[in-house]
PDB file of N, CA and C in Angstrom:
ATOM      1  N   MET A   1      -4.984 -16.139   5.605  1.00  0.00           N
ATOM      2  CA  MET A   1      -4.220 -15.213   4.802  1.00  0.00           C
ATOM      3  C   MET A   1      -3.138 -14.526   5.621  1.00  0.00           C
ATOM      4  N   VAL A   2      -3.447 -14.187   6.858  1.00  0.00           N
ATOM      5  CA  VAL A   2      -2.483 -13.470   7.697  1.00  0.00           C
ATOM      6  C   VAL A   2      -1.258 -14.334   7.953  1.00  0.00           C
ATOM      7  N   GLU A   3      -1.480 -15.565   8.329  1.00  0.00           N
ATOM      8  CA  GLU A   3      -0.354 -16.448   8.628  1.00  0.00           C
ATOM      9  C   GLU A   3       0.481 -16.746   7.389  1.00  0.00           C
ATOM     10  N   LYS A   4      -0.176 -16.826   6.243  1.00  0.00           N
ATOM     11  CA  LYS A   4       0.536 -17.110   4.995  1.00  0.00           C
ATOM     12  C   LYS A   4       1.148 -15.859   4.372  1.00  0.00           C
ATOM     13  N   LYS A   5       0.778 -14.697   4.899  1.00  0.00           N
ATOM     14  CA  LYS A   5       1.299 -13.410   4.415  1.00  0.00           C
ATOM     15  C   LYS A   5       0.998 -13.185   2.945  1.00  0.00           C
ATOM     16  N   ILE A   6      -0.249 -13.467   2.565  1.00  0.00           N
ATOM     17  CA  ILE A   6      -0.610 -13.337   1.160  1.00  0.00           C
ATOM     18  C   ILE A   6      -1.633 -12.241   0.894  1.00  0.00           C
ATOM     19  N   GLY A   7      -2.094 -11.549   1.930  1.00  0.00           N
ATOM     20  CA  GLY A   7      -3.112 -10.514   1.755  1.00  0.00           C
ATOM     21  C   GLY A   7      -2.533  -9.243   1.152  1.00  0.00           C
ATOM     22  N   ASN A   8      -3.308  -8.609   0.289  1.00  0.00           N
ATOM     23  CA  ASN A   8      -2.882  -7.382  -0.351  1.00  0.00           C
ATOM     24  C   ASN A   8      -3.127  -6.194   0.586  1.00  0.00           C
ATOM     25  N   PRO A   9      -2.085  -5.422   0.922  1.00  0.00           N
ATOM     26  CA  PRO A   9      -2.234  -4.322   1.873  1.00  0.00           C
ATOM     27  C   PRO A   9      -2.709  -3.006   1.261  1.00  0.00           C
ATOM     28  N   VAL A  10      -2.892  -2.953  -0.045  1.00  0.00           N
ATOM     29  CA  VAL A  10      -3.217  -1.688  -0.702  1.00  0.00           C
ATOM     30  C   VAL A  10      -4.557  -1.125  -0.214  1.00  0.00           C
ATOM     31  N   ALA A  11      -5.575  -1.948  -0.071  1.00  0.00           N
ATOM     32  CA  ALA A  11      -6.874  -1.453   0.396  1.00  0.00           C
ATOM     33  C   ALA A  11      -6.750  -0.872   1.803  1.00  0.00           C
ATOM     34  N   LEU A  12      -6.011  -1.525   2.656  1.00  0.00           N
ATOM     35  CA  LEU A  12      -5.808  -1.016   4.011  1.00  0.00           C
ATOM     36  C   LEU A  12      -5.094   0.332   3.971  1.00  0.00           C
ATOM     37  N   LEU A  13      -4.079   0.443   3.142  1.00  0.00           N
ATOM     38  CA  LEU A  13      -3.327   1.694   3.059  1.00  0.00           C
ATOM     39  C   LEU A  13      -4.203   2.826   2.539  1.00  0.00           C
ATOM     40  N   LEU A  14      -5.013   2.545   1.522  1.00  0.00           N
ATOM     41  CA  LEU A  14      -5.870   3.590   0.976  1.00  0.00           C
ATOM     42  C   LEU A  14      -7.012   3.930   1.942  1.00  0.00           C
ATOM     43  N   SER A  15      -7.488   2.962   2.700  1.00  0.00           N
ATOM     44  CA  SER A  15      -8.496   3.245   3.732  1.00  0.00           C
ATOM     45  C   SER A  15      -7.903   4.150   4.805  1.00  0.00           C
ATOM     46  N   SER A  16      -6.639   3.958   5.066  1.00  0.00           N
ATOM     47  CA  SER A  16      -5.957   4.804   6.055  1.00  0.00           C
ATOM     48  C   SER A  16      -5.936   6.259   5.617  1.00  0.00           C
ATOM     49  N   THR A  17      -5.847   6.481   4.316  1.00  0.00           N
ATOM     50  CA  THR A  17      -5.853   7.865   3.832  1.00  0.00           C
ATOM     51  C   THR A  17      -7.185   8.546   4.150  1.00  0.00           C
ATOM     52  N   MET A  18      -8.279   7.785   4.051  1.00  0.00           N
ATOM     53  CA  MET A  18      -9.590   8.362   4.385  1.00  0.00           C
ATOM     54  C   MET A  18      -9.665   8.724   5.865  1.00  0.00           C
ATOM     55  N   MET A  19      -9.127   7.868   6.712  1.00  0.00           N
ATOM     56  CA  MET A  19      -9.137   8.143   8.141  1.00  0.00           C
ATOM     57  C   MET A  19      -8.300   9.383   8.454  1.00  0.00           C
ATOM     58  N   LEU A  20      -7.139   9.485   7.837  1.00  0.00           N
ATOM     59  CA  LEU A  20      -6.266  10.627   8.088  1.00  0.00           C
ATOM     60  C   LEU A  20      -6.905  11.931   7.608  1.00  0.00           C
ATOM     61  N   ARG A  21      -7.631  11.864   6.493  1.00  0.00           N
ATOM     62  CA  ARG A  21      -8.340  13.059   6.027  1.00  0.00           C
ATOM     63  C   ARG A  21      -9.448  13.434   7.012  1.00  0.00           C
ATOM     64  N   TYR A  22     -10.153  12.443   7.518  1.00  0.00           N
ATOM     65  CA  TYR A  22     -11.196  12.697   8.508  1.00  0.00           C
ATOM     66  C   TYR A  22     -10.611  13.369   9.752  1.00  0.00           C
ATOM     67  N   LEU A  23      -9.412  12.975  10.119  1.00  0.00           N
ATOM     68  CA  LEU A  23      -8.733  13.570  11.270  1.00  0.00           C
ATOM     69  C   LEU A  23      -8.106  14.932  10.949  1.00  0.00           C
ATOM     70  N   GLN A  24      -8.337  15.385   9.720  1.00  0.00           N
ATOM     71  CA  GLN A  24      -7.851  16.675   9.237  1.00  0.00           C
ATOM     72  C   GLN A  24      -6.332  16.791   9.278  1.00  0.00           C
ATOM     73  N   LEU A  25      -5.687  15.737   8.803  1.00  0.00           N
ATOM     74  CA  LEU A  25      -4.233  15.708   8.654  1.00  0.00           C
ATOM     75  C   LEU A  25      -3.922  15.550   7.167  1.00  0.00           C
ATOM     76  N   PRO A  26      -4.138  16.599   6.364  1.00  0.00           N
ATOM     77  CA  PRO A  26      -4.110  16.462   4.913  1.00  0.00           C
ATOM     78  C   PRO A  26      -2.763  16.084   4.298  1.00  0.00           C
ATOM     79  N   ASP A  27      -1.674  16.460   4.902  1.00  0.00           N
ATOM     80  CA  ASP A  27      -0.374  16.147   4.299  1.00  0.00           C
ATOM     81  C   ASP A  27      -0.089  14.649   4.293  1.00  0.00           C
ATOM     82  N   TYR A  28      -0.436  13.983   5.358  1.00  0.00           N
ATOM     83  CA  TYR A  28      -0.128  12.557   5.477  1.00  0.00           C
ATOM     84  C   TYR A  28      -0.893  11.686   4.478  1.00  0.00           C
ATOM     85  N   PRO A  29      -2.206  11.857   4.341  1.00  0.00           N
ATOM     86  CA  PRO A  29      -2.905  11.006   3.379  1.00  0.00           C
ATOM     87  C   PRO A  29      -2.491  11.283   1.942  1.00  0.00           C
ATOM     88  N   ASP A  30      -2.191  12.534   1.648  1.00  0.00           N
ATOM     89  CA  ASP A  30      -1.746  12.858   0.287  1.00  0.00           C
ATOM     90  C   ASP A  30      -0.436  12.158  -0.031  1.00  0.00           C
ATOM     91  N   ARG A  31       0.473  12.168   0.925  1.00  0.00           N
ATOM     92  CA  ARG A  31       1.760  11.495   0.708  1.00  0.00           C
ATOM     93  C   ARG A  31       1.580   9.992   0.545  1.00  0.00           C
ATOM     94  N   LEU A  32       0.740   9.398   1.377  1.00  0.00           N
ATOM     95  CA  LEU A  32       0.517   7.956   1.328  1.00  0.00           C
ATOM     96  C   LEU A  32      -0.165   7.556   0.026  1.00  0.00           C
ATOM     97  N   GLU A  33      -1.188   8.293  -0.351  1.00  0.00           N
ATOM     98  CA  GLU A  33      -1.893   7.973  -1.591  1.00  0.00           C
ATOM     99  C   GLU A  33      -0.977   8.129  -2.798  1.00  0.00           C
ATOM    100  N   THR A  34      -0.153   9.152  -2.793  1.00  0.00           N
ATOM    101  CA  THR A  34       0.799   9.354  -3.883  1.00  0.00           C
ATOM    102  C   THR A  34       1.795   8.198  -3.954  1.00  0.00           C
ATOM    103  N   ALA A  35       2.264   7.738  -2.803  1.00  0.00           N
ATOM    104  CA  ALA A  35       3.211   6.618  -2.778  1.00  0.00           C
ATOM    105  C   ALA A  35       2.578   5.347  -3.328  1.00  0.00           C
ATOM    106  N   VAL A  36       1.335   5.058  -2.933  1.00  0.00           N
ATOM    107  CA  VAL A  36       0.651   3.863  -3.439  1.00  0.00           C
ATOM    108  C   VAL A  36       0.482   3.967  -4.947  1.00  0.00           C
ATOM    109  N   ARG A  37       0.014   5.112  -5.416  1.00  0.00           N
ATOM    110  CA  ARG A  37      -0.175   5.292  -6.866  1.00  0.00           C
ATOM    111  C   ARG A  37       1.152   5.172  -7.620  1.00  0.00           C
ATOM    112  N   ARG A  38       2.206   5.750  -7.065  1.00  0.00           N
ATOM    113  CA  ARG A  38       3.511   5.691  -7.715  1.00  0.00           C
ATOM    114  C   ARG A  38       3.978   4.236  -7.862  1.00  0.00           C
ATOM    115  N   VAL A  39       3.825   3.475  -6.818  1.00  0.00           N
ATOM    116  CA  VAL A  39       4.242   2.071  -6.846  1.00  0.00           C
ATOM    117  C   VAL A  39       3.447   1.300  -7.895  1.00  0.00           C
ATOM    118  N   ILE A  40       2.147   1.550  -7.951  1.00  0.00           N
ATOM    119  CA  ILE A  40       1.314   0.840  -8.923  1.00  0.00           C
ATOM    120  C   ILE A  40       1.643   1.270 -10.346  1.00  0.00           C
ATOM    121  N   TYR A  41       1.682   2.574 -10.588  1.00  0.00           N
ATOM    122  CA  TYR A  41       1.866   3.070 -11.949  1.00  0.00           C
ATOM    123  C   TYR A  41       3.279   2.896 -12.490  1.00  0.00           C
ATOM    124  N   GLU A  42       4.267   2.893 -11.628  1.00  0.00           N
ATOM    125  CA  GLU A  42       5.642   2.738 -12.103  1.00  0.00           C
ATOM    126  C   GLU A  42       6.038   1.273 -12.286  1.00  0.00           C
ATOM    127  N   GLY A  43       5.098   0.379 -12.051  1.00  0.00           N
ATOM    128  CA  GLY A  43       5.390  -1.035 -12.257  1.00  0.00           C
ATOM    129  C   GLY A  43       6.146  -1.671 -11.114  1.00  0.00           C
ATOM    130  N   LYS A  44       6.302  -0.958 -10.007  1.00  0.00           N
ATOM    131  CA  LYS A  44       6.982  -1.538  -8.847  1.00  0.00           C
ATOM    132  C   LYS A  44       6.001  -2.328  -7.993  1.00  0.00           C
ATOM    133  N   TYR A  45       4.753  -2.295  -8.384  1.00  0.00           N
ATOM    134  CA  TYR A  45       3.717  -2.977  -7.620  1.00  0.00           C
ATOM    135  C   TYR A  45       3.809  -4.464  -7.863  1.00  0.00           C
ATOM    136  N   TYR A  46       4.062  -5.177  -6.820  1.00  0.00           N
ATOM    137  CA  TYR A  46       4.141  -6.625  -6.917  1.00  0.00           C
ATOM    138  C   TYR A  46       2.848  -7.203  -6.383  1.00  0.00           C
ATOM    139  N   ARG A  47       2.238  -8.052  -7.126  1.00  0.00           N
ATOM    140  CA  ARG A  47       0.996  -8.663  -6.664  1.00  0.00           C
ATOM    141  C   ARG A  47       1.265  -9.674  -5.563  1.00  0.00           C
ATOM    142  N   THR A  48       0.358  -9.679  -4.607  1.00  0.00           N
ATOM    143  CA  THR A  48       0.434 -10.680  -3.556  1.00  0.00           C
ATOM    144  C   THR A  48      -0.164 -11.983  -4.082  1.00  0.00           C
ATOM    145  N   LYS A  49       0.064 -13.039  -3.357  1.00  0.00           N
ATOM    146  CA  LYS A  49      -0.349 -14.369  -3.806  1.00  0.00           C
ATOM    147  C   LYS A  49      -1.858 -14.492  -3.978  1.00  0.00           C
ATOM    148  N   ASP A  50      -2.632 -13.755  -3.191  1.00  0.00           N
ATOM    149  CA  ASP A  50      -4.088 -13.827  -3.326  1.00  0.00           C
ATOM    150  C   ASP A  50      -4.572 -13.228  -4.638  1.00  0.00           C
ATOM    151  N   LEU A  51      -3.728 -12.442  -5.301  1.00  0.00           N
ATOM    152  CA  LEU A  51      -4.070 -11.852  -6.593  1.00  0.00           C
ATOM    153  C   LEU A  51      -3.290 -12.488  -7.737  1.00  0.00           C
ATOM    154  N   GLY A  52      -2.692 -13.636  -7.478  1.00  0.00           N
ATOM    155  CA  GLY A  52      -1.971 -14.353  -8.523  1.00  0.00           C
ATOM    156  C   GLY A  52      -0.507 -13.994  -8.654  1.00  0.00           C
ATOM    157  N   GLY A  53       0.001 -13.190  -7.758  1.00  0.00           N
ATOM    158  CA  GLY A  53       1.407 -12.812  -7.792  1.00  0.00           C
ATOM    159  C   GLY A  53       2.249 -13.708  -6.914  1.00  0.00           C
ATOM    160  N   SER A  54       3.441 -13.237  -6.625  1.00  0.00           N
ATOM    161  CA  SER A  54       4.357 -14.055  -5.836  1.00  0.00           C
ATOM    162  C   SER A  54       4.914 -13.319  -4.617  1.00  0.00           C
ATOM    163  N   ARG A  55       4.481 -12.096  -4.386  1.00  0.00           N
ATOM    164  CA  ARG A  55       5.029 -11.293  -3.283  1.00  0.00           C
ATOM    165  C   ARG A  55       4.216 -11.463  -1.999  1.00  0.00           C
ATOM    166  N   THR A  56       4.874 -11.216  -0.885  1.00  0.00           N
ATOM    167  CA  THR A  56       4.179 -11.277   0.405  1.00  0.00           C
ATOM    168  C   THR A  56       3.564  -9.914   0.709  1.00  0.00           C
ATOM    169  N   THR A  57       2.704  -9.919   1.697  1.00  0.00           N
ATOM    170  CA  THR A  57       2.093  -8.677   2.158  1.00  0.00           C
ATOM    171  C   THR A  57       3.173  -7.673   2.551  1.00  0.00           C
ATOM    172  N   GLN A  58       4.175  -8.143   3.283  1.00  0.00           N
ATOM    173  CA  GLN A  58       5.247  -7.264   3.754  1.00  0.00           C
ATOM    174  C   GLN A  58       6.053  -6.680   2.602  1.00  0.00           C
ATOM    175  N   GLU A  59       6.318  -7.463   1.572  1.00  0.00           N
ATOM    176  CA  GLU A  59       7.092  -6.953   0.437  1.00  0.00           C
ATOM    177  C   GLU A  59       6.351  -5.828  -0.277  1.00  0.00           C
ATOM    178  N   VAL A  60       5.054  -5.978  -0.437  1.00  0.00           N
ATOM    179  CA  VAL A  60       4.265  -4.917  -1.076  1.00  0.00           C
ATOM    180  C   VAL A  60       4.243  -3.679  -0.177  1.00  0.00           C
ATOM    181  N   ALA A  61       4.013  -3.870   1.105  1.00  0.00           N
ATOM    182  CA  ALA A  61       3.993  -2.742   2.040  1.00  0.00           C
ATOM    183  C   ALA A  61       5.357  -2.044   2.078  1.00  0.00           C
ATOM    184  N   ASP A  62       6.429  -2.803   2.088  1.00  0.00           N
ATOM    185  CA  ASP A  62       7.779  -2.214   2.086  1.00  0.00           C
ATOM    186  C   ASP A  62       8.035  -1.387   0.830  1.00  0.00           C
ATOM    187  N   THR A  63       7.507  -1.833  -0.292  1.00  0.00           N
ATOM    188  CA  THR A  63       7.668  -1.085  -1.536  1.00  0.00           C
ATOM    189  C   THR A  63       6.960   0.256  -1.443  1.00  0.00           C
ATOM    190  N   VAL A  64       5.774   0.271  -0.857  1.00  0.00           N
ATOM    191  CA  VAL A  64       5.045   1.535  -0.676  1.00  0.00           C
ATOM    192  C   VAL A  64       5.790   2.428   0.312  1.00  0.00           C
ATOM    193  N   ILE A  65       6.285   1.860   1.380  1.00  0.00           N
ATOM    194  CA  ILE A  65       7.041   2.636   2.373  1.00  0.00           C
ATOM    195  C   ILE A  65       8.261   3.265   1.730  1.00  0.00           C
ATOM    196  N   SER A  66       8.939   2.526   0.888  1.00  0.00           N
ATOM    197  CA  SER A  66      10.122   3.079   0.194  1.00  0.00           C
ATOM    198  C   SER A  66       9.727   4.245  -0.694  1.00  0.00           C
ATOM    199  N   ALA A  67       8.547   4.176  -1.279  1.00  0.00           N
ATOM    200  CA  ALA A  67       8.076   5.260  -2.147  1.00  0.00           C
ATOM    201  C   ALA A  67       7.717   6.522  -1.351  1.00  0.00           C
ATOM    202  N   LEU A  68       7.500   6.375  -0.062  1.00  0.00           N
ATOM    203  CA  LEU A  68       7.216   7.533   0.795  1.00  0.00           C
ATOM    204  C   LEU A  68       8.437   8.390   1.045  1.00  0.00           C
ATOM    205  N   LYS A  69       9.598   7.806   0.925  1.00  0.00           N
ATOM    206  CA  LYS A  69      10.835   8.501   1.270  1.00  0.00           C
ATOM    207  C   LYS A  69      11.293   9.405   0.159  1.00  0.00           C
TER     208      LYS A  69
END
């Protein structure tokens, strides 16, 4: 999956929010979780190939990163 760039990064991103909360950095996980939710709910979420979509892991991650700004 890594070489083909088809893995969905959303679980990793949301797991990161738990780690950041554990580290007591509340602003960062809130922003990240909001960005992921915004991308999914606004229809900007592109499915990766492992979920039947056509986007790469990087394209999905870039969309979430853009939502952070």
